[in-house]
Amino acid sequence: MANIDRVDLNLFRLFEALYEERSVSRAAERLFITPSAVSHALRRIRLMMGDELFTRGPRGMLPTPRAHAVAAQLRILLPQLAEVIAPPDFDPAATDRTFAVACVPYLTTVLLPDLVADVAQHAPNARLDLRLIYNSVVDDLDSGALDVALGHFRRTPPRFVAEEILRDSYVWVIRRDHPAAAKKLTVEALSRLPHIDIHIDSQAKNTVESFDVRQGLERLVIQNGIASLEESLLDAGLRRRVATFVPDSLAGMAAVSRSDAVCLVPESVANRFGETFGLLRLEPPYKSAPLVIQSLTHADYREKPAIRWLLERIRFAATGTGRQIHG
């Protein structure tokens, strides 16, 4: 067993930088040291680990299988170590902490830009690690490698806390110069127009995704309000025609701007980008359920000063959508 007393913890930060940058020079810039210092430290890490860890390739430094394994472990251990040595009070202006947030695609255009700007203003030395939501959020929330997940969670394990942070409505968007744009939108009119549907991921045909059935976390994959329309169409003996499938709301709006189709998108997206694409927004002619977004955090971590601060910034950014915020 390695003698822990001889381990320089700074080497792990250097390893992390080199693993993420895949370049000695970029890792040096990131750590504000010279490339020769990085090379010297890499020799020490190789000796300590008993592995080459990185080999030179046409696209930079290529991690070995051992390096991939070490990086996965450090993603868990470094945040935990930071919590151990962090002072009891949290100072946003002084922190260099990395905050990890996973979210559904919709939020990348309506919440994350405001969150990035707000964090940069109040915590200029902090880093944001923003990701699309993924299947291992349970493990990463448990370990502390992920601070917050943002989405709509139908069922959560008791050790997690789900807090509603915003609600959004749905609206139909149509090209401004479309012949139907000046007419009243009815269920019958919607049945005659071609539709652009949003498939937000590879499992979009399922309404619920179980991240880990054993641990009891489920989220709604589709929250697009189409079910309400289809119920109204069915009651009227009508059907709709889907002409195109796209991966997100922005792609749907871009497609609408160059076609005769309509698309159902969150109101906040239409408000923010409708003018850019030359679109009009039309209220649904039927009762439509809202889109609900929650923050999901581990109960053991959410009361830590840094996570409390992050949640406050997320709530504040959510007000930028123009919708009601809760909590």
Protein backbone atom coordinates (compact mmCIF):
# COMPACT_ATOMS: atom_id res chain seq x y z
CA MET A 1 0.00 0.00 0.00
CA ALA A 2 1.27 3.47 -0.90
CA ASN A 3 2.40 5.70 1.95
CA ILE A 4 -0.24 8.46 2.04
CA ASP A 5 2.13 10.73 3.97
CA ARG A 6 4.26 11.05 0.83
CA VAL A 7 1.40 11.91 -1.52
CA ASP A 8 1.26 15.49 -2.79
CA LEU A 9 -2.44 16.26 -3.25
CA ASN A 10 -1.60 18.97 -5.78
CA LEU A 11 -0.58 16.18 -8.14
CA PHE A 12 -4.20 15.06 -8.34
CA ARG A 13 -5.29 18.53 -9.45
CA LEU A 14 -2.58 18.47 -12.08
CA PHE A 15 -3.69 15.01 -13.21
CA GLU A 16 -7.29 16.28 -13.48
CA ALA A 17 -6.20 19.25 -15.60
CA LEU A 18 -4.08 17.08 -17.87
CA TYR A 19 -6.85 14.49 -18.23
CA GLU A 20 -9.42 17.13 -19.21
CA GLU A 21 -7.14 19.23 -21.44
CA ARG A 22 -5.19 16.34 -23.06
CA SER A 23 -2.33 18.81 -23.51
CA VAL A 24 0.68 19.73 -21.36
CA SER A 25 0.62 23.35 -22.54
CA ARG A 26 -3.13 23.81 -21.97
CA ALA A 27 -2.92 22.16 -18.54
CA ALA A 28 -0.06 24.56 -17.69
CA GLU A 29 -2.13 27.58 -18.76
CA ARG A 30 -5.07 26.37 -16.72
CA LEU A 31 -2.94 25.90 -13.59
CA PHE A 32 -0.82 29.04 -14.14
CA ILE A 33 2.44 27.09 -14.17
CA THR A 34 5.02 26.35 -16.85
CA PRO A 35 4.83 23.36 -19.23
CA SER A 36 8.12 22.08 -17.80
CA ALA A 37 6.54 22.07 -14.32
CA VAL A 38 3.64 20.00 -15.70
CA SER A 39 6.06 17.55 -17.31
CA HIS A 40 8.04 17.25 -14.08
CA ALA A 41 4.88 16.65 -12.06
CA LEU A 42 3.67 14.08 -14.60
CA ARG A 43 6.88 12.11 -14.07
CA ARG A 44 6.16 12.11 -10.32
CA ILE A 45 2.57 10.95 -10.88
CA ARG A 46 3.71 8.15 -13.20
CA LEU A 47 6.20 6.97 -10.60
CA MET A 48 3.57 7.14 -7.85
CA MET A 49 0.94 5.28 -9.91
CA GLY A 50 3.29 2.82 -11.58
CA ASP A 51 1.70 3.54 -14.96
CA GLU A 52 2.41 5.76 -17.98
CA LEU A 53 -1.08 7.29 -17.56
CA PHE A 54 -0.74 9.37 -20.78
CA THR A 55 0.87 8.63 -24.14
CA ARG A 56 1.45 11.11 -26.94
CA GLY A 57 -0.88 10.82 -29.94
CA PRO A 58 -1.84 12.87 -33.00
CA ARG A 59 -4.51 14.69 -30.98
CA GLY A 60 -2.58 15.24 -27.79
CA MET A 61 -2.04 13.23 -24.61
CA LEU A 62 -4.05 10.00 -24.70
CA PRO A 63 -5.09 8.52 -21.32
CA THR A 64 -4.30 4.89 -20.61
CA PRO A 65 -6.98 2.58 -19.16
CA ARG A 66 -5.47 3.20 -15.70
CA ALA A 67 -5.78 6.97 -16.24
CA HIS A 68 -9.47 6.61 -17.13
CA ALA A 69 -10.02 4.61 -13.92
CA VAL A 70 -8.14 7.16 -11.80
CA ALA A 71 -10.11 10.05 -13.34
CA ALA A 72 -13.41 8.34 -12.51
CA GLN A 73 -12.35 7.92 -8.88
CA LEU A 74 -11.07 11.49 -8.59
CA ARG A 75 -14.44 12.84 -9.82
CA ILE A 76 -15.83 11.43 -6.58
CA LEU A 77 -12.93 11.97 -4.19
CA LEU A 78 -11.88 15.55 -5.01
CA PRO A 79 -15.29 17.14 -4.31
CA GLN A 80 -15.48 15.20 -1.06
CA LEU A 81 -11.99 16.34 -0.08
CA ALA A 82 -12.89 19.93 -0.93
CA GLU A 83 -15.86 19.70 1.43
CA VAL A 84 -13.61 18.34 4.21
CA ILE A 85 -11.06 21.15 4.03
CA ALA A 86 -13.46 23.98 3.09
CA PRO A 87 -14.04 26.62 5.77
CA PRO A 88 -17.46 26.45 7.48
CA ASP A 89 -18.52 29.74 5.86
CA PHE A 90 -18.84 30.06 2.11
CA ASP A 91 -17.57 33.18 0.34
CA PRO A 92 -18.74 33.28 -3.30
CA ALA A 93 -16.30 36.06 -4.17
CA ALA A 94 -13.33 33.99 -2.99
CA THR A 95 -14.31 30.43 -3.94
CA ASP A 96 -12.66 28.54 -6.78
CA ARG A 97 -15.07 25.63 -6.42
CA THR A 98 -16.42 23.75 -9.42
CA PHE A 99 -20.23 23.45 -9.37
CA ALA A 100 -21.64 20.53 -11.36
CA VAL A 101 -25.18 20.88 -12.71
CA ALA A 102 -27.07 18.49 -15.02
CA CYS A 103 -30.24 19.60 -16.79
CA VAL A 104 -32.76 18.74 -19.48
CA PRO A 105 -32.04 20.27 -22.93
CA TYR A 106 -34.83 22.87 -22.66
CA LEU A 107 -33.00 24.65 -19.83
CA THR A 108 -29.79 25.15 -21.82
CA THR A 109 -31.40 28.10 -23.62
CA VAL A 110 -33.74 29.59 -21.02
CA LEU A 111 -32.00 29.15 -17.65
CA LEU A 112 -28.33 28.28 -18.01
CA PRO A 113 -27.30 31.50 -19.82
CA ASP A 114 -28.67 33.56 -16.92
CA LEU A 115 -27.08 31.20 -14.39
CA VAL A 116 -23.67 31.46 -16.09
CA ALA A 117 -23.83 35.27 -16.10
CA ASP A 118 -25.01 35.45 -12.49
CA VAL A 119 -22.33 33.07 -11.16
CA ALA A 120 -19.64 34.92 -13.11
CA GLN A 121 -20.73 38.16 -11.45
CA HIS A 122 -20.92 36.89 -7.87
CA ALA A 123 -18.29 34.12 -7.91
CA PRO A 124 -15.74 35.11 -10.59
CA ASN A 125 -13.26 32.38 -9.65
CA ALA A 126 -15.81 29.55 -9.56
CA ARG A 127 -16.28 27.12 -12.42
CA LEU A 128 -19.55 25.71 -13.74
CA ASP A 129 -19.60 22.14 -15.08
CA LEU A 130 -22.89 22.09 -17.01
CA ARG A 131 -24.10 18.82 -18.53
CA LEU A 132 -27.18 17.39 -20.16
CA ILE A 133 -28.93 15.06 -17.75
CA TYR A 134 -27.62 11.49 -17.88
CA ASN A 135 -28.32 8.04 -16.49
CA SER A 136 -25.78 7.99 -13.63
CA VAL A 137 -27.13 11.07 -11.83
CA VAL A 138 -28.08 8.88 -8.86
CA ASP A 139 -24.50 7.75 -8.27
CA ASP A 140 -23.07 11.22 -8.85
CA LEU A 141 -25.58 12.93 -6.54
CA ASP A 142 -24.79 10.32 -3.91
CA SER A 143 -21.04 10.84 -4.20
CA GLY A 144 -21.17 14.62 -4.47
CA ALA A 145 -19.66 14.59 -7.98
CA LEU A 146 -22.92 16.22 -9.14
CA ASP A 147 -24.39 19.06 -7.09
CA VAL A 148 -27.81 19.54 -8.69
CA ALA A 149 -29.94 17.88 -11.36
CA LEU A 150 -32.67 19.93 -13.06
CA GLY A 151 -35.65 18.26 -14.71
CA HIS A 152 -39.06 16.82 -13.85
CA PHE A 153 -38.84 13.86 -11.51
CA ARG A 154 -41.91 11.71 -11.07
CA ARG A 155 -40.46 9.55 -8.32
CA THR A 156 -37.40 10.19 -6.14
CA PRO A 157 -35.57 8.20 -3.45
CA PRO A 158 -36.11 9.43 0.13
CA ARG A 159 -32.51 10.64 0.41
CA PHE A 160 -33.07 13.20 -2.37
CA VAL A 161 -35.00 16.47 -2.22
CA ALA A 162 -36.98 17.63 -5.27
CA GLU A 163 -37.98 21.30 -5.24
CA GLU A 164 -40.13 22.95 -7.89
CA ILE A 165 -38.28 25.98 -9.23
CA LEU A 166 -40.38 27.05 -12.22
CA ARG A 167 -43.45 26.41 -14.33
CA ASP A 168 -43.73 27.22 -17.98
CA SER A 169 -46.68 27.23 -20.35
CA TYR A 170 -46.78 25.88 -23.90
CA VAL A 171 -47.56 27.90 -27.01
CA TRP A 172 -47.75 27.13 -30.70
CA VAL A 173 -45.35 28.99 -32.99
CA ILE A 174 -46.03 29.74 -36.65
CA ARG A 175 -44.23 31.68 -39.37
CA ARG A 176 -45.23 35.36 -39.19
CA ASP A 177 -46.25 35.47 -42.87
CA HIS A 178 -48.04 32.09 -42.82
CA PRO A 179 -51.57 32.31 -44.33
CA ALA A 180 -53.02 30.80 -41.14
CA ALA A 181 -51.20 33.22 -38.82
CA ALA A 182 -53.94 35.86 -39.02
CA LYS A 183 -56.75 33.41 -38.31
CA LYS A 184 -57.99 32.14 -34.96
CA LEU A 185 -56.22 28.96 -33.92
CA THR A 186 -58.66 26.11 -33.35
CA VAL A 187 -58.29 22.39 -32.78
CA GLU A 188 -59.63 21.85 -36.30
CA ALA A 189 -57.03 24.26 -37.72
CA LEU A 190 -54.26 22.40 -35.87
CA SER A 191 -55.42 19.15 -37.44
CA ARG A 192 -54.96 20.66 -40.92
CA LEU A 193 -51.48 22.08 -40.34
CA PRO A 194 -48.32 19.94 -40.51
CA HIS A 195 -46.63 19.58 -37.13
CA ILE A 196 -42.99 19.57 -36.06
CA ASP A 197 -42.53 17.38 -32.99
CA ILE A 198 -39.68 17.51 -30.51
CA HIS A 199 -37.86 14.32 -29.61
CA ILE A 200 -35.61 15.33 -26.77
CA ASP A 201 -33.52 12.15 -26.64
CA SER A 202 -33.18 8.62 -27.92
CA GLN A 203 -35.87 7.40 -25.51
CA ALA A 204 -38.36 10.05 -26.57
CA LYS A 205 -41.07 7.50 -27.35
CA ASN A 206 -41.25 6.72 -23.64
CA THR A 207 -42.87 9.21 -21.30
CA VAL A 208 -40.90 8.02 -18.27
CA GLU A 209 -37.24 7.16 -17.96
CA SER A 210 -36.03 5.14 -14.97
CA PHE A 211 -32.48 6.19 -14.18
CA ASP A 212 -32.17 3.48 -11.56
CA VAL A 213 -35.25 1.43 -10.79
CA ARG A 214 -33.56 -0.13 -7.77
CA GLN A 215 -32.92 3.29 -6.25
CA GLY A 216 -36.30 4.68 -7.26
CA LEU A 217 -35.48 7.68 -9.47
CA GLU A 218 -37.71 8.36 -12.45
CA ARG A 219 -38.06 11.45 -14.58
CA LEU A 220 -40.50 12.42 -17.29
CA VAL A 221 -38.70 12.31 -20.63
CA ILE A 222 -41.46 14.06 -22.56
CA GLN A 223 -43.24 17.11 -21.22
CA ASN A 224 -44.42 18.61 -24.47
CA GLY A 225 -48.14 19.10 -23.96
CA ILE A 226 -48.99 17.05 -27.06
CA ALA A 227 -51.08 14.61 -25.04
CA SER A 228 -53.56 17.41 -24.27
CA LEU A 229 -53.89 18.21 -27.97
CA GLU A 230 -54.36 14.60 -28.97
CA GLU A 231 -57.15 14.19 -26.41
CA SER A 232 -58.92 17.23 -27.90
CA LEU A 233 -58.43 15.89 -31.44
CA LEU A 234 -59.78 12.50 -30.44
CA ASP A 235 -62.88 14.06 -28.90
CA ALA A 236 -63.48 15.95 -32.18
CA GLY A 237 -62.84 12.89 -34.35
CA LEU A 238 -59.72 14.49 -35.84
CA ARG A 239 -56.08 13.49 -36.30
CA ARG A 240 -52.87 15.43 -36.69
CA ARG A 241 -49.99 14.98 -39.15
CA VAL A 242 -46.40 15.07 -37.92
CA ALA A 243 -44.15 16.14 -40.78
CA THR A 244 -40.79 16.41 -38.98
CA PHE A 245 -39.08 15.33 -35.77
CA VAL A 246 -36.38 17.55 -34.26
CA PRO A 247 -34.19 17.22 -31.14
CA ASP A 248 -35.11 20.44 -29.31
CA SER A 249 -37.26 23.57 -29.27
CA LEU A 250 -34.74 25.81 -31.05
CA ALA A 251 -34.46 23.33 -33.91
CA GLY A 252 -38.26 23.21 -34.06
CA MET A 253 -38.55 26.99 -34.25
CA ALA A 254 -35.86 27.19 -36.92
CA ALA A 255 -37.72 24.59 -38.97
CA VAL A 256 -41.04 26.43 -38.53
CA SER A 257 -39.43 29.63 -39.84
CA ARG A 258 -38.76 27.91 -43.20
CA SER A 259 -41.93 25.83 -43.55
CA ASP A 260 -45.71 25.82 -43.33
CA ALA A 261 -45.60 23.73 -40.17
CA VAL A 262 -46.32 24.66 -36.54
CA CYS A 263 -44.53 23.53 -33.41
CA LEU A 264 -45.47 23.42 -29.71
CA VAL A 265 -42.70 24.92 -27.56
CA PRO A 266 -42.32 26.28 -24.01
CA GLU A 267 -43.53 29.87 -23.77
CA SER A 268 -40.19 31.10 -22.38
CA VAL A 269 -38.36 29.76 -25.46
CA ALA A 270 -40.89 31.43 -27.77
CA ASN A 271 -40.55 34.72 -25.88
CA ARG A 272 -36.77 34.66 -26.05
CA PHE A 273 -36.23 33.48 -29.63
CA GLY A 274 -39.50 33.99 -31.49
CA GLU A 275 -38.49 37.38 -32.88
CA THR A 276 -35.16 35.99 -34.04
CA PHE A 277 -36.92 33.37 -36.16
CA GLY A 278 -39.73 35.68 -37.32
CA LEU A 279 -42.45 33.69 -35.58
CA LEU A 280 -45.78 34.42 -33.97
CA ARG A 281 -46.92 32.64 -30.81
CA LEU A 282 -50.46 31.31 -30.53
CA GLU A 283 -52.17 30.14 -27.36
CA PRO A 284 -53.38 26.51 -27.43
CA PRO A 285 -57.14 26.28 -28.10
CA TYR A 286 -57.48 23.59 -25.42
CA LYS A 287 -56.50 23.14 -21.78
CA SER A 288 -52.76 22.43 -21.66
CA ALA A 289 -50.80 21.13 -18.66
CA PRO A 290 -47.77 23.24 -17.68
CA LEU A 291 -44.14 22.23 -17.98
CA VAL A 292 -42.75 21.81 -14.44
CA ILE A 293 -39.04 21.97 -13.61
CA GLN A 294 -37.54 20.78 -10.31
CA SER A 295 -34.12 20.89 -8.75
CA LEU A 296 -32.93 17.57 -7.33
CA THR A 297 -30.29 17.50 -4.61
CA HIS A 298 -29.02 15.03 -2.03
CA ALA A 299 -30.48 15.75 1.40
CA ASP A 300 -27.04 15.37 3.03
CA TYR A 301 -25.46 18.02 0.80
CA ARG A 302 -28.16 20.60 0.09
CA GLU A 303 -27.69 22.39 3.43
CA LYS A 304 -23.97 22.92 2.88
CA PRO A 305 -23.33 26.65 2.39
CA ALA A 306 -21.95 26.25 -1.15
CA ILE A 307 -24.93 24.17 -2.34
CA ARG A 308 -27.42 26.49 -0.64
CA TRP A 309 -25.81 29.37 -2.50
CA LEU A 310 -25.94 27.50 -5.81
CA LEU A 311 -29.63 26.72 -5.33
CA GLU A 312 -30.28 30.40 -4.61
CA ARG A 313 -28.55 31.34 -7.87
CA ILE A 314 -30.57 28.71 -9.79
CA ARG A 315 -33.82 30.06 -8.33
CA PHE A 316 -32.77 33.58 -9.29
CA ALA A 317 -31.86 32.49 -12.83
CA ALA A 318 -35.25 30.77 -13.11
CA THR A 319 -36.96 34.15 -12.68
CA GLY A 320 -35.34 35.12 -16.00
CA THR A 321 -37.74 32.78 -17.77
CA GLY A 322 -40.58 35.11 -16.83
CA ARG A 323 -42.45 32.31 -15.07
CA GLN A 324 -43.45 31.85 -11.45
CA ILE A 325 -40.66 30.59 -9.23
CA HIS A 326 -41.20 28.56 -6.10
CA GLY A 327 -39.23 27.72 -2.99
